[in-house]
């Protein structure tokens, strides 16, 4: 048990460091690492590892996201006028997606996650953001975007930043406020997604001890405990290290993770 706790803490440290250093959602690191850690745990069946990793990742974002949102809000970077119309659709999309994820075959879930990693890697390497349209979309577009971002986030265990930041940039919001607003939106994704995975996995056979459905409490607390402290360190290092080179290196790392997942499906 002590070894697992140390691995959870290390996972959170890596996630926080990458989040602060590269401006990434920690879930991109947490989900693959937790999936690997759960494979090392004899109490976790192989077909539960990824679902536990995704649900636990969303639960841990509640802690890290709250800290990040507070920091951005104090700097006036959170546009609450955008959070209010987007949050309900995000929460609904995430909840429905998390319930659907429980019924998906593990093959489909892993394939979707692998494809998502490749898409994010390409976006990172190209450093691409859509051209701003310069005005706020209507309610129907906001609702549709919220449902889509929430649904995808629930399948990959992310706070939605990889999609919500480009959407907010496209809607005419500058990068600083887009990142701050995305952090606040991530709280609704995390809360709704974690609840959905708890309910979907409630009473599932083979769950490890101290789990609420597909959310592992020890892993959640371990990841959150260190990611909160390592994210500011990563942010400081971003001013001293060649971030562009690191981003390209991390993009390659994401592609390798995707290949590893895909290879496992074919083996």
Protein backbone atom coordinates (compact mmCIF):
# COMPACT_ATOMS: atom_id res chain seq x y z
CA UNK A 1 0.00 0.00 0.00
CA UNK A 2 2.87 2.38 0.82
CA UNK A 3 4.33 1.83 -2.66
CA UNK A 4 1.01 2.72 -4.27
CA UNK A 5 0.69 5.89 -2.19
CA UNK A 6 4.20 6.98 -3.24
CA UNK A 7 3.30 6.32 -6.87
CA UNK A 8 0.11 8.40 -6.51
CA UNK A 9 2.16 11.26 -5.05
CA UNK A 10 4.68 11.00 -7.88
CA UNK A 11 1.85 10.99 -10.41
CA UNK A 12 0.43 14.19 -8.93
CA UNK A 13 3.88 15.83 -8.92
CA UNK A 14 4.38 15.01 -12.61
CA UNK A 15 0.89 16.26 -13.48
CA UNK A 16 1.32 19.52 -11.57
CA UNK A 17 4.75 20.14 -13.05
CA UNK A 18 3.53 19.62 -16.62
CA UNK A 19 0.42 21.70 -16.00
CA UNK A 20 2.44 24.65 -14.72
CA UNK A 21 5.32 24.28 -17.15
CA UNK A 22 3.40 23.70 -20.36
CA UNK A 23 -0.06 25.06 -19.55
CA UNK A 24 -1.63 21.62 -19.93
CA UNK A 25 -4.46 19.99 -18.11
CA UNK A 26 -2.98 17.58 -15.60
CA UNK A 27 -5.35 14.85 -16.76
CA UNK A 28 -3.19 14.27 -19.84
CA UNK A 29 -0.54 12.96 -17.46
CA UNK A 30 -2.73 11.62 -14.65
CA UNK A 31 -4.88 9.25 -16.73
CA UNK A 32 -2.04 7.33 -18.46
CA UNK A 33 0.05 7.18 -15.28
CA UNK A 34 -2.84 6.08 -13.07
CA UNK A 35 -3.83 3.48 -15.64
CA UNK A 36 -0.28 2.09 -15.40
CA UNK A 37 -0.26 2.26 -11.59
CA UNK A 38 -3.59 0.43 -11.37
CA UNK A 39 -2.13 -2.29 -13.59
CA UNK A 40 0.54 -2.80 -10.91
CA UNK A 41 -2.13 -3.14 -8.21
CA UNK A 42 -3.18 -6.81 -7.94
CA UNK A 43 -6.52 -5.75 -6.43
CA UNK A 44 -7.57 -3.96 -9.66
CA UNK A 45 -8.83 -6.09 -12.58
CA UNK A 46 -7.35 -5.13 -15.97
CA UNK A 47 -10.70 -4.07 -17.40
CA UNK A 48 -11.26 -1.53 -14.59
CA UNK A 49 -7.91 0.29 -14.74
CA UNK A 50 -8.72 2.92 -17.36
CA UNK A 51 -12.22 3.65 -16.03
CA UNK A 52 -10.76 4.11 -12.53
CA UNK A 53 -8.02 6.33 -13.95
CA UNK A 54 -10.48 8.59 -15.79
CA UNK A 55 -12.91 8.88 -12.86
CA UNK A 56 -10.10 9.50 -10.37
CA UNK A 57 -8.51 12.09 -12.64
CA UNK A 58 -11.76 14.06 -12.77
CA UNK A 59 -12.08 13.89 -8.97
CA UNK A 60 -8.51 15.16 -8.47
CA UNK A 61 -9.20 18.12 -10.78
CA UNK A 62 -11.68 19.39 -8.18
CA UNK A 63 -8.76 20.13 -5.86
CA UNK A 64 -6.24 21.45 -8.37
CA UNK A 65 -8.92 23.30 -10.33
CA UNK A 66 -10.18 25.11 -7.23
CA UNK A 67 -6.66 26.34 -6.47
CA UNK A 68 -6.09 27.44 -10.06
CA UNK A 69 -9.49 29.15 -10.33
CA UNK A 70 -8.89 31.11 -7.14
CA UNK A 71 -5.52 32.31 -8.42
CA UNK A 72 -6.98 33.40 -11.76
CA UNK A 73 -10.02 35.02 -10.14
CA UNK A 74 -7.82 37.13 -7.86
CA UNK A 75 -6.09 38.45 -11.00
CA UNK A 76 -9.42 39.20 -12.69
CA UNK A 77 -8.86 36.57 -15.39
CA UNK A 78 -12.14 34.67 -14.92
CA UNK A 79 -15.03 35.93 -17.03
CA UNK A 80 -18.02 34.84 -14.94
CA UNK A 81 -20.38 36.20 -17.62
CA UNK A 82 -19.13 33.31 -19.78
CA UNK A 83 -19.01 30.72 -17.00
CA UNK A 84 -22.71 31.12 -16.15
CA UNK A 85 -24.14 30.21 -19.61
CA UNK A 86 -21.55 27.50 -20.33
CA UNK A 87 -21.48 25.71 -16.97
CA UNK A 88 -24.91 23.97 -17.12
CA UNK A 89 -24.25 22.50 -20.58
CA UNK A 90 -20.74 21.45 -19.57
CA UNK A 91 -22.04 19.74 -16.43
CA UNK A 92 -24.81 17.97 -18.33
CA UNK A 93 -22.52 16.82 -21.14
CA UNK A 94 -19.93 15.56 -18.68
CA UNK A 95 -22.47 13.69 -16.56
CA UNK A 96 -24.08 12.01 -19.56
CA UNK A 97 -20.68 11.16 -21.01
CA UNK A 98 -19.46 9.64 -17.76
CA UNK A 99 -22.53 7.44 -17.53
CA UNK A 100 -22.06 6.38 -21.16
CA UNK A 101 -18.37 5.63 -20.58
CA UNK A 102 -19.30 2.95 -18.06
CA UNK A 103 -21.17 1.03 -20.74
CA UNK A 104 -18.53 1.39 -23.45
CA UNK A 105 -16.32 -1.63 -24.08
CA UNK A 106 -12.82 -1.05 -22.75
CA UNK A 107 -11.49 -1.44 -26.31
CA UNK A 108 -13.53 1.55 -27.48
CA UNK A 109 -12.55 3.68 -24.49
CA UNK A 110 -8.83 3.01 -24.97
CA UNK A 111 -9.05 3.63 -28.73
CA UNK A 112 -10.83 6.96 -28.18
CA UNK A 113 -8.24 8.02 -25.61
CA UNK A 114 -5.36 7.08 -27.91
CA UNK A 115 -6.85 9.11 -30.78
CA UNK A 116 -7.42 12.06 -28.46
CA UNK A 117 -3.76 11.99 -27.36
CA UNK A 118 -2.64 12.18 -31.00
CA UNK A 119 -4.94 15.14 -31.72
CA UNK A 120 -3.67 17.03 -28.65
CA UNK A 121 -0.07 16.23 -29.60
CA UNK A 122 -0.57 17.69 -33.08
CA UNK A 123 -2.19 20.82 -31.64
CA UNK A 124 0.68 21.23 -29.18
CA UNK A 125 3.42 20.74 -31.77
CA UNK A 126 1.74 23.20 -34.17
CA UNK A 127 0.86 25.60 -31.31
CA UNK A 128 -2.39 26.16 -33.18
CA UNK A 129 -5.39 28.17 -31.95
CA UNK A 130 -8.39 29.05 -34.12
CA UNK A 131 -8.67 32.57 -35.49
CA UNK A 132 -10.89 34.77 -33.35
CA UNK A 133 -14.33 35.55 -34.77
CA UNK A 134 -14.45 38.61 -32.51
CA UNK A 135 -17.89 38.22 -30.95
CA UNK A 136 -19.70 36.11 -28.38
CA UNK A 137 -21.67 33.16 -29.85
CA UNK A 138 -25.39 32.80 -29.27
CA UNK A 139 -26.93 30.62 -26.57
CA UNK A 140 -27.45 27.66 -28.91
CA UNK A 141 -23.76 27.61 -29.91
CA UNK A 142 -22.67 27.96 -26.27
CA UNK A 143 -24.95 25.10 -25.23
CA UNK A 144 -23.73 22.89 -28.07
CA UNK A 145 -20.09 23.65 -27.30
CA UNK A 146 -20.65 22.96 -23.61
CA UNK A 147 -22.28 19.59 -24.28
CA UNK A 148 -19.51 18.57 -26.68
CA UNK A 149 -16.60 19.72 -24.48
CA UNK A 150 -18.16 18.13 -21.40
CA UNK A 151 -18.88 14.87 -23.17
CA UNK A 152 -15.38 14.47 -24.57
CA UNK A 153 -13.77 15.52 -21.27
CA UNK A 154 -15.71 12.83 -19.43
CA UNK A 155 -14.29 10.13 -21.71
CA UNK A 156 -10.66 11.18 -21.28
CA UNK A 157 -10.65 12.48 -17.69
CA UNK A 158 -9.69 16.09 -18.43
CA UNK A 159 -10.88 19.42 -17.14
CA UNK A 160 -11.69 20.52 -20.68
CA UNK A 161 -8.92 23.09 -21.12
CA UNK A 162 -7.60 21.50 -24.30
CA UNK A 163 -10.96 22.28 -25.92
CA UNK A 164 -12.45 25.16 -23.94
CA UNK A 165 -9.40 27.43 -24.34
CA UNK A 166 -9.45 27.17 -28.19
CA UNK A 167 -13.23 27.70 -28.15
CA UNK A 168 -12.94 30.81 -25.96
CA UNK A 169 -10.09 32.12 -28.13
CA UNK A 170 -12.27 31.57 -31.22
CA UNK A 171 -15.03 33.51 -29.46
CA UNK A 172 -12.82 36.59 -29.16
CA UNK A 173 -11.37 36.22 -25.64
CA UNK A 174 -7.67 36.94 -25.12
CA UNK A 175 -5.44 34.08 -24.00
CA UNK A 176 -5.03 35.18 -20.37
CA UNK A 177 -8.77 35.38 -19.74
CA UNK A 178 -9.44 32.25 -21.82
CA UNK A 179 -7.12 30.23 -19.57
CA UNK A 180 -8.61 31.69 -16.38
CA UNK A 181 -12.19 31.16 -17.53
CA UNK A 182 -11.35 27.63 -18.66
CA UNK A 183 -10.01 26.85 -15.18
CA UNK A 184 -13.34 27.87 -13.65
CA UNK A 185 -15.28 25.85 -16.22
CA UNK A 186 -13.13 22.84 -15.38
CA UNK A 187 -14.59 22.76 -11.88
CA UNK A 188 -18.06 22.02 -13.26
CA UNK A 189 -16.64 19.34 -15.56
CA UNK A 190 -14.72 17.74 -12.68
CA UNK A 191 -17.63 17.77 -10.23
CA UNK A 192 -20.19 16.42 -12.69
CA UNK A 193 -17.81 13.86 -14.19
CA UNK A 194 -16.62 12.56 -10.83
CA UNK A 195 -20.23 12.18 -9.69
CA UNK A 196 -21.11 10.35 -12.90
CA UNK A 197 -18.22 7.89 -12.53
CA UNK A 198 -19.08 7.31 -8.88
CA UNK A 199 -22.67 6.43 -9.74
CA UNK A 200 -21.75 4.41 -12.84
CA UNK A 201 -19.29 2.26 -10.92
CA UNK A 202 -21.25 1.96 -7.70
CA UNK A 203 -21.24 -1.69 -6.66
CA UNK A 204 -19.17 -2.79 -9.67
CA UNK A 205 -17.37 -6.09 -8.99
CA UNK A 206 -13.61 -6.00 -8.48
CA UNK A 207 -13.28 -2.41 -7.27
CA UNK A 208 -10.20 -1.81 -5.08
CA UNK A 209 -10.61 -0.84 -1.41
CA UNK A 210 -11.64 2.72 -0.54
CA UNK A 211 -13.27 3.40 -3.91
CA UNK A 212 -16.50 5.27 -4.56
CA UNK A 213 -17.58 3.71 -7.82
CA UNK A 214 -14.89 4.38 -10.41
CA UNK A 215 -13.14 6.94 -8.17
CA UNK A 216 -10.25 5.77 -6.00
CA UNK A 217 -10.08 7.94 -2.89
CA UNK A 218 -6.41 7.17 -2.04
CA UNK A 219 -5.34 7.96 -5.61
CA UNK A 220 -7.45 11.14 -5.71
CA UNK A 221 -5.95 12.49 -2.49
CA UNK A 222 -2.42 11.42 -3.44
CA UNK A 223 -2.54 13.09 -6.84
CA UNK A 224 -4.16 16.26 -5.50
CA UNK A 225 -1.74 16.56 -2.56
CA UNK A 226 1.33 16.98 -4.76
CA UNK A 227 -0.09 18.47 -7.96
CA UNK A 228 -1.26 21.58 -6.05
CA UNK A 229 2.31 22.30 -4.94
CA UNK A 230 4.16 21.33 -8.12
CA UNK A 231 2.00 23.39 -10.50
CA UNK A 232 3.42 26.73 -9.20
CA UNK A 233 6.93 25.27 -9.48
CA UNK A 234 6.27 24.36 -13.11
CA UNK A 235 4.99 27.88 -13.76
CA UNK A 236 8.22 29.35 -12.37
CA UNK A 237 10.36 26.96 -14.42
CA UNK A 238 8.48 27.95 -17.57
CA UNK A 239 10.26 31.32 -17.42
CA UNK A 240 13.70 29.71 -17.26
CA UNK A 241 13.43 26.69 -19.58
CA UNK A 242 12.91 26.44 -23.36
CA UNK A 243 9.17 25.76 -23.23
CA UNK A 244 8.74 25.43 -27.01
CA UNK A 245 11.27 22.59 -27.08
CA UNK A 246 9.60 21.01 -24.05
CA UNK A 247 6.17 21.26 -25.69
CA UNK A 248 7.43 19.45 -28.79
CA UNK A 249 9.07 16.81 -26.61
CA UNK A 250 5.86 16.31 -24.67
CA UNK A 251 3.91 16.06 -27.93
CA UNK A 252 6.18 13.18 -28.95
CA UNK A 253 5.62 11.63 -25.51
CA UNK A 254 1.83 11.80 -26.02
CA UNK A 255 2.14 10.10 -29.41
CA UNK A 256 4.24 7.33 -27.84
CA UNK A 257 1.57 6.87 -25.15
CA UNK A 258 -1.08 6.62 -27.86
CA UNK A 259 0.98 4.04 -29.76
CA UNK A 260 1.47 2.06 -26.55
CA UNK A 261 -2.29 2.03 -25.90
CA UNK A 262 -3.06 1.08 -29.50
CA UNK A 263 -0.44 -1.67 -29.46
CA UNK A 264 -1.99 -3.08 -26.31
CA UNK A 265 -5.34 -3.28 -28.09
CA UNK A 266 -3.83 -5.21 -30.98
CA UNK A 267 -1.72 -7.55 -28.85
